[in-house]
Amino acid sequence: MKRLCPECGEEYTGRADKKYCSAACRAAYHNRQNAEELAFQRNVNNILRHNRNVLAELNPDGKANVRKERLIDRGFKFRYFTNQYVTRNNTLYHFCYDYGYRVDADDSEWVFLIKRQEYVE
């Protein structure tokens, strides 16, 4: 029985349950189907990596106070982070992988940067 490949449109023969003319066409079809979702994930991961690199650049010694403006100037996006950590005294830190930051409610112009310690999970 001859059928048409949904990827390239070529005729092919084979098993009754075969849907594509080749493994390459099958992979290309599924890659295209998943492209939108994968592009979204890739974009978010790129933002997270960029945020982490900005934090690492501005915090070479493990702790630093920097103006929020410096982060924004480097393209830091505050809405993207990998996890949050709340200390015993209810201080909230946002982390991008192993680098974190805290924006003080009292003085939102300054951001306190830290590097994750082994005991912080």
N, C-alpha and C. Protein backbone atom coordinates (compact mmCIF):
# COMPACT_ATOMS: atom_id res chain seq x y z
N MET A 1 0.83 -1.18 0.00
CA MET A 1 0.00 0.00 0.00
C MET A 1 0.89 1.25 0.00
N LYS A 2 0.65 2.16 -0.93
CA LYS A 2 1.46 3.38 -1.04
C LYS A 2 0.79 4.49 -0.24
N ARG A 3 1.63 5.21 0.47
CA ARG A 3 1.15 6.35 1.26
C ARG A 3 2.07 7.54 1.06
N LEU A 4 1.63 8.72 1.51
CA LEU A 4 2.45 9.92 1.40
C LEU A 4 3.01 10.28 2.76
N CYS A 5 4.29 10.63 2.77
CA CYS A 5 4.96 11.06 4.00
C CYS A 5 4.43 12.44 4.39
N PRO A 6 3.99 12.63 5.66
CA PRO A 6 3.46 13.94 6.07
C PRO A 6 4.53 15.03 6.13
N GLU A 7 5.80 14.64 6.11
CA GLU A 7 6.89 15.64 6.18
C GLU A 7 7.30 16.10 4.79
N CYS A 8 7.67 15.17 3.93
CA CYS A 8 8.22 15.56 2.62
C CYS A 8 7.25 15.36 1.46
N GLY A 9 6.17 14.63 1.70
CA GLY A 9 5.18 14.40 0.65
C GLY A 9 5.52 13.29 -0.31
N GLU A 10 6.63 12.61 -0.12
CA GLU A 10 7.04 11.50 -0.99
C GLU A 10 6.19 10.27 -0.73
N GLU A 11 6.01 9.46 -1.77
CA GLU A 11 5.33 8.18 -1.60
C GLU A 11 6.29 7.19 -0.97
N TYR A 12 5.77 6.30 -0.15
CA TYR A 12 6.60 5.26 0.46
C TYR A 12 5.75 4.03 0.68
N THR A 13 6.44 2.92 0.88
CA THR A 13 5.78 1.65 1.20
C THR A 13 6.39 1.12 2.48
N GLY A 14 5.73 0.20 3.12
CA GLY A 14 6.26 -0.40 4.34
C GLY A 14 5.15 -0.94 5.21
N ARG A 15 5.49 -1.15 6.45
CA ARG A 15 4.53 -1.70 7.41
C ARG A 15 3.25 -0.86 7.43
N ALA A 16 2.18 -1.47 7.88
CA ALA A 16 0.88 -0.80 7.91
C ALA A 16 0.88 0.38 8.88
N ASP A 17 1.69 0.31 9.96
CA ASP A 17 1.70 1.39 10.95
C ASP A 17 2.80 2.42 10.69
N LYS A 18 3.54 2.29 9.62
CA LYS A 18 4.61 3.24 9.29
C LYS A 18 3.98 4.55 8.83
N LYS A 19 4.45 5.68 9.37
CA LYS A 19 3.84 6.98 9.05
C LYS A 19 4.75 7.90 8.23
N TYR A 20 6.05 7.63 8.22
CA TYR A 20 7.01 8.51 7.56
C TYR A 20 7.90 7.68 6.64
N CYS A 21 8.46 8.32 5.63
CA CYS A 21 9.29 7.58 4.68
C CYS A 21 10.66 7.25 5.24
N SER A 22 11.11 8.02 6.25
CA SER A 22 12.44 7.78 6.82
C SER A 22 12.51 8.30 8.25
N ALA A 23 13.57 7.90 8.94
CA ALA A 23 13.79 8.39 10.31
C ALA A 23 14.05 9.89 10.31
N ALA A 24 14.71 10.38 9.27
CA ALA A 24 14.99 11.82 9.18
C ALA A 24 13.69 12.62 9.05
N CYS A 25 12.76 12.14 8.24
CA CYS A 25 11.47 12.83 8.10
C CYS A 25 10.68 12.77 9.40
N ARG A 26 10.71 11.63 10.07
CA ARG A 26 10.00 11.50 11.35
C ARG A 26 10.55 12.50 12.37
N ALA A 27 11.87 12.59 12.47
CA ALA A 27 12.51 13.53 13.41
C ALA A 27 12.20 14.97 13.04
N ALA A 28 12.28 15.31 11.75
CA ALA A 28 12.01 16.68 11.31
C ALA A 28 10.57 17.08 11.62
N TYR A 29 9.64 16.16 11.40
CA TYR A 29 8.23 16.43 11.67
C TYR A 29 8.01 16.72 13.16
N HIS A 30 8.54 15.86 14.01
CA HIS A 30 8.36 16.05 15.45
C HIS A 30 9.10 17.26 15.98
N ASN A 31 10.27 17.55 15.43
CA ASN A 31 11.00 18.75 15.85
C ASN A 31 10.20 20.01 15.52
N ARG A 32 9.59 20.04 14.36
CA ARG A 32 8.77 21.19 13.99
C ARG A 32 7.55 21.30 14.89
N GLN A 33 6.93 20.16 15.23
CA GLN A 33 5.76 20.16 16.11
C GLN A 33 6.10 20.73 17.49
N ASN A 34 7.31 20.43 17.96
CA ASN A 34 7.72 20.85 19.31
C ASN A 34 8.48 22.18 19.32
N ALA A 35 8.69 22.78 18.17
CA ALA A 35 9.54 23.96 18.06
C ALA A 35 9.06 25.12 18.93
N GLU A 36 7.77 25.39 18.96
CA GLU A 36 7.25 26.52 19.73
C GLU A 36 7.51 26.34 21.22
N GLU A 37 7.20 25.17 21.74
CA GLU A 37 7.43 24.90 23.15
C GLU A 37 8.91 24.94 23.49
N LEU A 38 9.73 24.34 22.63
CA LEU A 38 11.17 24.34 22.88
C LEU A 38 11.75 25.75 22.80
N ALA A 39 11.25 26.57 21.90
CA ALA A 39 11.72 27.95 21.78
C ALA A 39 11.41 28.73 23.06
N PHE A 40 10.22 28.54 23.61
CA PHE A 40 9.86 29.21 24.87
C PHE A 40 10.80 28.79 25.99
N GLN A 41 11.03 27.48 26.13
CA GLN A 41 11.93 26.99 27.17
C GLN A 41 13.34 27.53 26.97
N ARG A 42 13.80 27.54 25.74
CA ARG A 42 15.15 28.04 25.44
C ARG A 42 15.26 29.52 25.82
N ASN A 43 14.23 30.31 25.49
CA ASN A 43 14.26 31.73 25.83
C ASN A 43 14.30 31.96 27.33
N VAL A 44 13.48 31.23 28.08
CA VAL A 44 13.49 31.37 29.55
C VAL A 44 14.84 30.96 30.11
N ASN A 45 15.39 29.86 29.64
CA ASN A 45 16.71 29.42 30.12
C ASN A 45 17.79 30.44 29.80
N ASN A 46 17.71 31.07 28.64
CA ASN A 46 18.69 32.10 28.29
C ASN A 46 18.58 33.30 29.23
N ILE A 47 17.37 33.69 29.58
CA ILE A 47 17.17 34.81 30.52
C ILE A 47 17.73 34.45 31.88
N LEU A 48 17.44 33.24 32.36
CA LEU A 48 17.94 32.80 33.67
C LEU A 48 19.47 32.76 33.69
N ARG A 49 20.08 32.24 32.64
CA ARG A 49 21.55 32.20 32.57
C ARG A 49 22.12 33.60 32.55
N HIS A 50 21.48 34.49 31.78
CA HIS A 50 21.95 35.88 31.72
C HIS A 50 21.85 36.53 33.10
N ASN A 51 20.70 36.35 33.78
CA ASN A 51 20.54 36.91 35.13
C ASN A 51 21.64 36.40 36.06
N ARG A 52 21.89 35.08 36.02
CA ARG A 52 22.92 34.49 36.88
C ARG A 52 24.29 35.11 36.58
N ASN A 53 24.60 35.29 35.30
CA ASN A 53 25.89 35.86 34.93
C ASN A 53 26.03 37.31 35.38
N VAL A 54 24.94 38.07 35.32
CA VAL A 54 24.97 39.46 35.80
C VAL A 54 25.23 39.47 37.30
N LEU A 55 24.54 38.62 38.05
CA LEU A 55 24.75 38.55 39.50
C LEU A 55 26.18 38.14 39.82
N ALA A 56 26.73 37.18 39.10
CA ALA A 56 28.11 36.73 39.34
C ALA A 56 29.11 37.84 39.03
N GLU A 57 28.87 38.57 37.97
CA GLU A 57 29.76 39.66 37.57
C GLU A 57 29.80 40.77 38.63
N LEU A 58 28.63 41.10 39.16
CA LEU A 58 28.55 42.20 40.14
C LEU A 58 28.86 41.75 41.57
N ASN A 59 29.07 40.45 41.76
CA ASN A 59 29.28 39.91 43.10
C ASN A 59 30.48 38.95 43.12
N PRO A 60 31.68 39.45 42.85
CA PRO A 60 32.84 38.56 42.78
C PRO A 60 33.28 38.01 44.15
N ASP A 61 32.89 38.68 45.25
CA ASP A 61 33.37 38.28 46.57
C ASP A 61 32.34 37.51 47.39
N GLY A 62 31.17 37.21 46.83
CA GLY A 62 30.17 36.42 47.54
C GLY A 62 29.09 37.24 48.22
N LYS A 63 29.36 38.51 48.50
CA LYS A 63 28.36 39.42 49.07
C LYS A 63 28.64 40.82 48.53
N ALA A 64 27.56 41.51 48.15
CA ALA A 64 27.74 42.86 47.62
C ALA A 64 26.43 43.61 47.69
N ASN A 65 26.54 44.92 47.80
CA ASN A 65 25.40 45.83 47.70
C ASN A 65 25.57 46.61 46.41
N VAL A 66 24.58 46.57 45.53
CA VAL A 66 24.67 47.31 44.28
C VAL A 66 23.36 48.06 44.05
N ARG A 67 23.47 49.11 43.28
CA ARG A 67 22.26 49.84 42.92
C ARG A 67 21.44 49.01 41.94
N LYS A 68 20.14 49.03 42.12
CA LYS A 68 19.22 48.30 41.25
C LYS A 68 19.43 48.71 39.79
N GLU A 69 19.73 49.96 39.60
CA GLU A 69 19.96 50.52 38.27
C GLU A 69 21.08 49.80 37.52
N ARG A 70 22.13 49.37 38.25
CA ARG A 70 23.25 48.65 37.61
C ARG A 70 22.78 47.31 37.06
N LEU A 71 21.91 46.63 37.79
CA LEU A 71 21.36 45.36 37.31
C LEU A 71 20.50 45.59 36.07
N ILE A 72 19.64 46.58 36.13
CA ILE A 72 18.74 46.88 35.02
C ILE A 72 19.54 47.28 33.78
N ASP A 73 20.60 48.08 33.96
CA ASP A 73 21.44 48.50 32.84
C ASP A 73 22.09 47.31 32.13
N ARG A 74 22.33 46.24 32.85
CA ARG A 74 22.94 45.04 32.26
C ARG A 74 21.89 44.06 31.73
N GLY A 75 20.63 44.46 31.74
CA GLY A 75 19.58 43.63 31.17
C GLY A 75 19.01 42.59 32.12
N PHE A 76 19.22 42.79 33.43
CA PHE A 76 18.70 41.86 34.43
C PHE A 76 17.18 41.95 34.45
N LYS A 77 16.51 40.79 34.47
CA LYS A 77 15.05 40.75 34.53
C LYS A 77 14.63 40.16 35.87
N PHE A 78 14.08 41.00 36.73
CA PHE A 78 13.74 40.61 38.09
C PHE A 78 12.62 39.57 38.16
N ARG A 79 11.82 39.45 37.13
CA ARG A 79 10.71 38.48 37.15
C ARG A 79 11.18 37.04 36.95
N TYR A 80 12.43 36.85 36.53
CA TYR A 80 12.94 35.51 36.24
C TYR A 80 13.96 35.09 37.29
N PHE A 81 13.65 34.01 37.98
CA PHE A 81 14.57 33.44 38.97
C PHE A 81 14.26 31.95 39.10
N THR A 82 15.22 31.19 39.63
CA THR A 82 15.02 29.74 39.70
C THR A 82 14.33 29.29 40.98
N ASN A 83 14.57 29.99 42.08
CA ASN A 83 13.90 29.63 43.33
C ASN A 83 13.98 30.79 44.33
N GLN A 84 13.24 30.63 45.42
CA GLN A 84 13.24 31.62 46.50
C GLN A 84 13.69 30.94 47.78
N TYR A 85 14.24 31.75 48.67
CA TYR A 85 14.66 31.23 49.97
C TYR A 85 14.24 32.26 51.02
N VAL A 86 13.59 31.80 52.09
CA VAL A 86 13.18 32.67 53.19
C VAL A 86 14.02 32.28 54.40
N THR A 87 14.71 33.27 54.97
CA THR A 87 15.55 33.02 56.13
C THR A 87 14.69 32.89 57.39
N ARG A 88 15.31 32.55 58.49
CA ARG A 88 14.59 32.41 59.76
C ARG A 88 13.89 33.69 60.18
N ASN A 89 14.49 34.83 59.84
CA ASN A 89 13.86 36.11 60.21
C ASN A 89 13.00 36.68 59.07
N ASN A 90 12.49 35.78 58.20
CA ASN A 90 11.56 36.13 57.13
C ASN A 90 12.12 37.08 56.06
N THR A 91 13.40 36.98 55.78
CA THR A 91 14.00 37.75 54.69
C THR A 91 13.92 36.90 53.43
N LEU A 92 13.36 37.47 52.38
CA LEU A 92 13.16 36.74 51.13
C LEU A 92 14.30 37.02 50.16
N TYR A 93 14.92 35.94 49.68
CA TYR A 93 15.94 36.01 48.64
C TYR A 93 15.42 35.31 47.39
N HIS A 94 15.72 35.89 46.25
CA HIS A 94 15.44 35.25 44.96
C HIS A 94 16.78 34.76 44.42
N PHE A 95 16.79 33.54 43.86
CA PHE A 95 18.02 32.97 43.34
C PHE A 95 17.92 32.70 41.85
N CYS A 96 19.02 32.92 41.17
CA CYS A 96 19.24 32.46 39.81
C CYS A 96 20.38 31.46 39.91
N TYR A 97 19.98 30.21 40.04
CA TYR A 97 20.90 29.11 40.27
C TYR A 97 21.64 29.32 41.59
N ASP A 98 22.93 29.63 41.56
CA ASP A 98 23.70 29.73 42.80
C ASP A 98 23.92 31.16 43.29
N TYR A 99 23.39 32.14 42.59
CA TYR A 99 23.51 33.54 43.02
C TYR A 99 22.13 34.09 43.36
N GLY A 100 22.07 34.81 44.47
CA GLY A 100 20.80 35.33 44.93
C GLY A 100 20.84 36.83 45.15
N TYR A 101 19.66 37.38 45.36
CA TYR A 101 19.55 38.82 45.63
C TYR A 101 18.35 39.09 46.51
N ARG A 102 18.43 40.22 47.20
CA ARG A 102 17.35 40.67 48.07
C ARG A 102 17.15 42.15 47.80
N VAL A 103 15.90 42.51 47.54
CA VAL A 103 15.56 43.92 47.37
C VAL A 103 14.90 44.36 48.67
N ASP A 104 15.51 45.32 49.36
CA ASP A 104 14.94 45.80 50.62
C ASP A 104 13.71 46.65 50.37
N ALA A 105 12.67 46.38 51.12
CA ALA A 105 11.44 47.16 50.99
C ALA A 105 11.68 48.60 51.43
N ASP A 106 12.56 48.79 52.43
CA ASP A 106 12.85 50.14 52.94
C ASP A 106 13.60 50.98 51.91
N ASP A 107 14.52 50.36 51.19
CA ASP A 107 15.36 51.09 50.25
C ASP A 107 15.43 50.30 48.95
N SER A 108 14.43 50.46 48.10
CA SER A 108 14.35 49.66 46.88
C SER A 108 15.38 50.08 45.83
N GLU A 109 16.17 51.10 46.12
CA GLU A 109 17.21 51.53 45.19
C GLU A 109 18.42 50.59 45.24
N TRP A 110 18.62 49.92 46.36
CA TRP A 110 19.75 49.04 46.55
C TRP A 110 19.32 47.58 46.56
N VAL A 111 20.20 46.72 46.04
CA VAL A 111 19.97 45.27 46.00
C VAL A 111 21.16 44.60 46.66
N PHE A 112 20.89 43.71 47.58
CA PHE A 112 21.94 42.96 48.27
C PHE A 112 22.12 41.63 47.54
N LEU A 113 23.35 41.35 47.10
CA LEU A 113 23.66 40.14 46.35
C LEU A 113 24.41 39.15 47.23
N ILE A 114 24.12 37.87 47.05
CA ILE A 114 24.85 36.82 47.78
C ILE A 114 25.11 35.65 46.84
N LYS A 115 26.09 34.85 47.24
CA LYS A 115 26.33 33.57 46.57
C LYS A 115 25.84 32.49 47.49
N ARG A 116 25.16 31.50 46.94
CA ARG A 116 24.58 30.42 47.76
C ARG A 116 25.66 29.70 48.56
N GLN A 117 25.36 29.49 49.82
CA GLN A 117 26.24 28.72 50.69
C GLN A 117 25.74 27.28 50.70
N GLU A 118 26.58 26.36 51.04
CA GLU A 118 26.22 24.94 51.02
C GLU A 118 25.02 24.63 51.91
N TYR A 119 24.87 25.35 53.03
CA TYR A 119 23.79 25.05 53.95
C TYR A 119 22.45 25.63 53.51
N VAL A 120 22.43 26.45 52.49
CA VAL A 120 21.17 27.03 51.99
C VAL A 120 20.61 26.10 50.93
N GLU A 121 19.36 25.65 51.12
CA GLU A 121 18.74 24.76 50.14
C GLU A 121 17.46 25.33 49.60
